[in-house]
């Protein structure tokens, strides 16, 4: 799956980008018609420890899926976002097959 990576307020290293790409590629097992996606990695300016935000937007035929998660690390946030997208994909597939 083709993902565009955007890092806001910091420069993402290659290991983080590769980690997120590998996690997102696992979504192809649940739905093979994902067109592409965008990942926004944002470093929030508040003093809270959980200041790493990941937003993932996936384009699928006739629809768009979105997940936004906040955690202490970008890896943890991406795990949570991919898990949320997995649930959305399964729900979307159930809706398609029901019709």
C-alpha atoms as a PDB file:
ATOM      1  CA  UNK A   1       0.000   0.000   0.000  1.00  0.00           C
ATOM      2  CA  UNK A   2       1.276   3.459  -0.883  1.00  0.00           C
ATOM      3  CA  UNK A   3       1.436   5.798   2.110  1.00  0.00           C
ATOM      4  CA  UNK A   4       2.427   9.433   2.144  1.00  0.00           C
ATOM      5  CA  UNK A   5       4.215  10.344   5.369  1.00  0.00           C
ATOM      6  CA  UNK A   6       4.050  13.857   6.835  1.00  0.00           C
ATOM      7  CA  UNK A   7       5.899  14.861   9.989  1.00  0.00           C
ATOM      8  CA  UNK A   8       4.772  18.109  11.594  1.00  0.00           C
ATOM      9  CA  UNK A   9       6.997  20.100  13.986  1.00  0.00           C
ATOM     10  CA  UNK A  10       9.841  17.538  13.760  1.00  0.00           C
ATOM     11  CA  UNK A  11      11.818  15.465  11.266  1.00  0.00           C
ATOM     12  CA  UNK A  12      10.940  11.781  11.287  1.00  0.00           C
ATOM     13  CA  UNK A  13      13.792   9.319  11.000  1.00  0.00           C
ATOM     14  CA  UNK A  14      13.702   6.455   8.511  1.00  0.00           C
ATOM     15  CA  UNK A  15      13.212   3.770  11.186  1.00  0.00           C
ATOM     16  CA  UNK A  16       9.953   5.394  12.350  1.00  0.00           C
ATOM     17  CA  UNK A  17       8.673   5.697   8.780  1.00  0.00           C
ATOM     18  CA  UNK A  18       9.548   2.054   8.083  1.00  0.00           C
ATOM     19  CA  UNK A  19       7.850   0.933  11.309  1.00  0.00           C
ATOM     20  CA  UNK A  20       4.607   2.732  10.440  1.00  0.00           C
ATOM     21  CA  UNK A  21       4.689   1.428   6.856  1.00  0.00           C
ATOM     22  CA  UNK A  22       5.086  -2.178   8.074  1.00  0.00           C
ATOM     23  CA  UNK A  23       2.199  -1.785  10.526  1.00  0.00           C
ATOM     24  CA  UNK A  24      -0.076  -0.273   7.882  1.00  0.00           C
ATOM     25  CA  UNK A  25       0.840  -2.944   5.321  1.00  0.00           C
ATOM     26  CA  UNK A  26      -0.743  -5.533   7.613  1.00  0.00           C
ATOM     27  CA  UNK A  27      -4.140  -3.940   6.908  1.00  0.00           C
ATOM     28  CA  UNK A  28      -3.979  -5.396   3.381  1.00  0.00           C
ATOM     29  CA  UNK A  29      -4.700  -8.808   4.909  1.00  0.00           C
ATOM     30  CA  UNK A  30      -8.137  -7.608   5.990  1.00  0.00           C
ATOM     31  CA  UNK A  31      -9.086  -5.589   2.895  1.00  0.00           C
ATOM     32  CA  UNK A  32      -7.117  -5.863  -0.334  1.00  0.00           C
ATOM     33  CA  UNK A  33      -8.769  -2.895  -2.085  1.00  0.00           C
ATOM     34  CA  UNK A  34      -7.093  -0.105  -0.107  1.00  0.00           C
ATOM     35  CA  UNK A  35      -6.093   2.504  -2.678  1.00  0.00           C
ATOM     36  CA  UNK A  36      -3.628   4.635  -0.721  1.00  0.00           C
ATOM     37  CA  UNK A  37      -3.237   6.552   2.504  1.00  0.00           C
ATOM     38  CA  UNK A  38      -1.701   9.446   4.366  1.00  0.00           C
ATOM     39  CA  UNK A  39       0.003   9.453   7.736  1.00  0.00           C
ATOM     40  CA  UNK A  40       0.412  12.630   9.771  1.00  0.00           C
ATOM     41  CA  UNK A  41       2.880  12.463  12.657  1.00  0.00           C
ATOM     42  CA  UNK A  42       2.480  15.470  14.919  1.00  0.00           C
ATOM     43  CA  UNK A  43       4.455  16.503  17.963  1.00  0.00           C
ATOM     44  CA  UNK A  44       2.099  18.421  20.257  1.00  0.00           C
ATOM     45  CA  UNK A  45       3.459  21.356  22.228  1.00  0.00           C
ATOM     46  CA  UNK A  46       1.759  20.655  25.547  1.00  0.00           C
ATOM     47  CA  UNK A  47       3.682  19.458  28.587  1.00  0.00           C
ATOM     48  CA  UNK A  48       1.759  16.207  28.770  1.00  0.00           C
ATOM     49  CA  UNK A  49       3.845  13.039  28.353  1.00  0.00           C
ATOM     50  CA  UNK A  50       1.412  11.790  25.720  1.00  0.00           C
ATOM     51  CA  UNK A  51       2.276  14.440  23.161  1.00  0.00           C
ATOM     52  CA  UNK A  52       2.840  12.231  20.079  1.00  0.00           C
ATOM     53  CA  UNK A  53      -0.132  12.178  17.700  1.00  0.00           C
ATOM     54  CA  UNK A  54      -0.619   9.900  14.692  1.00  0.00           C
ATOM     55  CA  UNK A  55      -3.402  10.433  12.174  1.00  0.00           C
ATOM     56  CA  UNK A  56      -3.925   7.838   9.438  1.00  0.00           C
ATOM     57  CA  UNK A  57      -6.304   8.379   6.554  1.00  0.00           C
ATOM     58  CA  UNK A  58      -6.992   5.474   4.169  1.00  0.00           C
ATOM     59  CA  UNK A  59      -8.762   5.775   0.841  1.00  0.00           C
ATOM     60  CA  UNK A  60     -10.885   2.814  -0.153  1.00  0.00           C
ATOM     61  CA  UNK A  61     -13.385   2.585  -3.021  1.00  0.00           C
ATOM     62  CA  UNK A  62     -16.254   5.048  -2.414  1.00  0.00           C
ATOM     63  CA  UNK A  63     -15.155   5.733   1.166  1.00  0.00           C
ATOM     64  CA  UNK A  64     -12.419   6.994   3.466  1.00  0.00           C
ATOM     65  CA  UNK A  65     -11.302   5.637   6.830  1.00  0.00           C
ATOM     66  CA  UNK A  66      -9.618   7.759   9.504  1.00  0.00           C
ATOM     67  CA  UNK A  67      -7.971   7.120  12.859  1.00  0.00           C
ATOM     68  CA  UNK A  68      -6.278   9.547  15.227  1.00  0.00           C
ATOM     69  CA  UNK A  69      -4.388   8.351  18.294  1.00  0.00           C
ATOM     70  CA  UNK A  70      -2.225   9.986  20.953  1.00  0.00           C
ATOM     71  CA  UNK A  71       0.435   8.222  23.042  1.00  0.00           C
ATOM     72  CA  UNK A  72       3.847   8.569  24.675  1.00  0.00           C
ATOM     73  CA  UNK A  73       5.669   7.285  21.573  1.00  0.00           C
ATOM     74  CA  UNK A  74       4.900   7.385  17.878  1.00  0.00           C
ATOM     75  CA  UNK A  75       5.210   3.598  17.718  1.00  0.00           C
ATOM     76  CA  UNK A  76       2.534   3.121  20.378  1.00  0.00           C
ATOM     77  CA  UNK A  77       0.256   5.675  18.723  1.00  0.00           C
ATOM     78  CA  UNK A  78       0.639   3.990  15.340  1.00  0.00           C
ATOM     79  CA  UNK A  79      -0.188   0.597  16.880  1.00  0.00           C
ATOM     80  CA  UNK A  80      -3.396   2.047  18.311  1.00  0.00           C
ATOM     81  CA  UNK A  81      -4.317   3.807  15.060  1.00  0.00           C
ATOM     82  CA  UNK A  82      -3.748   0.697  12.936  1.00  0.00           C
ATOM     83  CA  UNK A  83      -5.847  -1.341  15.363  1.00  0.00           C
ATOM     84  CA  UNK A  84      -8.662   1.220  15.112  1.00  0.00           C
ATOM     85  CA  UNK A  85      -8.459   1.108  11.310  1.00  0.00           C
ATOM     86  CA  UNK A  86      -8.554  -2.687  11.390  1.00  0.00           C
ATOM     87  CA  UNK A  87     -11.848  -2.538  13.277  1.00  0.00           C
ATOM     88  CA  UNK A  88     -13.218   0.004  10.805  1.00  0.00           C
ATOM     89  CA  UNK A  89     -12.189  -2.177   7.850  1.00  0.00           C
ATOM     90  CA  UNK A  90     -13.859  -5.253   9.339  1.00  0.00           C
ATOM     91  CA  UNK A  91     -17.020  -3.248  10.004  1.00  0.00           C
ATOM     92  CA  UNK A  92     -16.940  -1.859   6.456  1.00  0.00           C
ATOM     93  CA  UNK A  93     -16.509  -5.343   4.948  1.00  0.00           C
ATOM     94  CA  UNK A  94     -19.406  -6.682   7.022  1.00  0.00           C
ATOM     95  CA  UNK A  95     -21.576  -3.846   5.759  1.00  0.00           C
ATOM     96  CA  UNK A  96     -20.599  -4.574   2.132  1.00  0.00           C
ATOM     97  CA  UNK A  97     -21.261  -8.307   2.389  1.00  0.00           C
ATOM     98  CA  UNK A  98     -24.595  -7.725   4.134  1.00  0.00           C
ATOM     99  CA  UNK A  99     -25.955  -5.961   1.070  1.00  0.00           C
END
